[in-house]
């Protein structure tokens, strides 16, 4: 389950970063 959490954290961080970038673009 450790890998799953690590992947989830990485994916969530990337998604959050993308959302932030989108907001900046707007």
N, C-alpha and C. Protein backbone atom coordinates (compact mmCIF):
# COMPACT_ATOMS: atom_id res chain seq x y z
N UNK A 1 0.84 -1.21 0.00
CA UNK A 1 0.00 0.00 0.00
C UNK A 1 0.86 1.25 0.00
N UNK A 2 2.14 1.09 0.36
CA UNK A 2 3.03 2.28 0.39
C UNK A 2 3.16 2.90 -1.00
N UNK A 3 3.34 2.04 -1.98
CA UNK A 3 3.52 2.56 -3.36
C UNK A 3 2.26 3.28 -3.81
N UNK A 4 1.12 2.73 -3.44
CA UNK A 4 -0.15 3.34 -3.84
C UNK A 4 -0.27 4.76 -3.29
N UNK A 5 0.11 4.89 -2.02
CA UNK A 5 0.01 6.21 -1.38
C UNK A 5 0.98 7.18 -2.05
N UNK A 6 2.16 6.68 -2.35
CA UNK A 6 3.18 7.54 -2.99
C UNK A 6 2.68 7.99 -4.36
N UNK A 7 2.12 7.06 -5.10
CA UNK A 7 1.61 7.39 -6.45
C UNK A 7 0.45 8.37 -6.36
N UNK A 8 -0.41 8.10 -5.36
CA UNK A 8 -1.59 8.97 -5.19
C UNK A 8 -1.12 10.39 -4.86
N UNK A 9 -0.15 10.50 -3.98
CA UNK A 9 0.37 11.82 -3.59
C UNK A 9 0.99 12.52 -4.79
N UNK A 10 1.76 11.79 -5.56
CA UNK A 10 2.42 12.38 -6.74
C UNK A 10 1.37 12.84 -7.76
N UNK A 11 0.39 11.98 -8.00
CA UNK A 11 -0.66 12.30 -8.98
C UNK A 11 -1.49 13.50 -8.50
N UNK A 12 -1.82 13.49 -7.20
CA UNK A 12 -2.63 14.58 -6.64
C UNK A 12 -1.86 15.89 -6.76
N UNK A 13 -0.55 15.83 -6.45
CA UNK A 13 0.28 17.05 -6.52
C UNK A 13 0.31 17.58 -7.95
N UNK A 14 0.46 16.68 -8.91
CA UNK A 14 0.52 17.10 -10.32
C UNK A 14 -0.82 17.70 -10.74
N UNK A 15 -1.89 17.05 -10.31
CA UNK A 15 -3.24 17.53 -10.67
C UNK A 15 -3.50 18.91 -10.05
N UNK A 16 -3.09 19.03 -8.79
CA UNK A 16 -3.28 20.31 -8.09
C UNK A 16 -2.47 21.40 -8.78
N UNK A 17 -1.27 21.06 -9.18
CA UNK A 17 -0.39 22.03 -9.86
C UNK A 17 -1.02 22.43 -11.19
N UNK A 18 -1.58 21.47 -11.87
CA UNK A 18 -2.20 21.74 -13.18
C UNK A 18 -3.41 22.66 -12.98
N UNK A 19 -4.16 22.39 -11.94
CA UNK A 19 -5.35 23.20 -11.67
C UNK A 19 -4.92 24.63 -11.35
N UNK A 20 -3.84 24.76 -10.59
CA UNK A 20 -3.34 26.08 -10.22
C UNK A 20 -2.90 26.82 -11.48
N UNK A 21 -2.26 26.11 -12.36
CA UNK A 21 -1.77 26.71 -13.61
C UNK A 21 -2.97 27.18 -14.44
N UNK A 22 -4.00 26.38 -14.45
CA UNK A 22 -5.19 26.70 -15.24
C UNK A 22 -5.83 27.97 -14.67
N UNK A 23 -5.84 28.05 -13.36
CA UNK A 23 -6.44 29.22 -12.70
C UNK A 23 -5.63 30.47 -13.06
N UNK A 24 -4.34 30.31 -13.11
CA UNK A 24 -3.45 31.44 -13.44
C UNK A 24 -3.71 31.89 -14.88
N UNK A 25 -3.94 30.93 -15.73
CA UNK A 25 -4.18 31.23 -17.15
C UNK A 25 -5.50 32.01 -17.27
N UNK A 26 -6.47 31.62 -16.47
CA UNK A 26 -7.78 32.26 -16.51
C UNK A 26 -7.61 33.70 -16.01
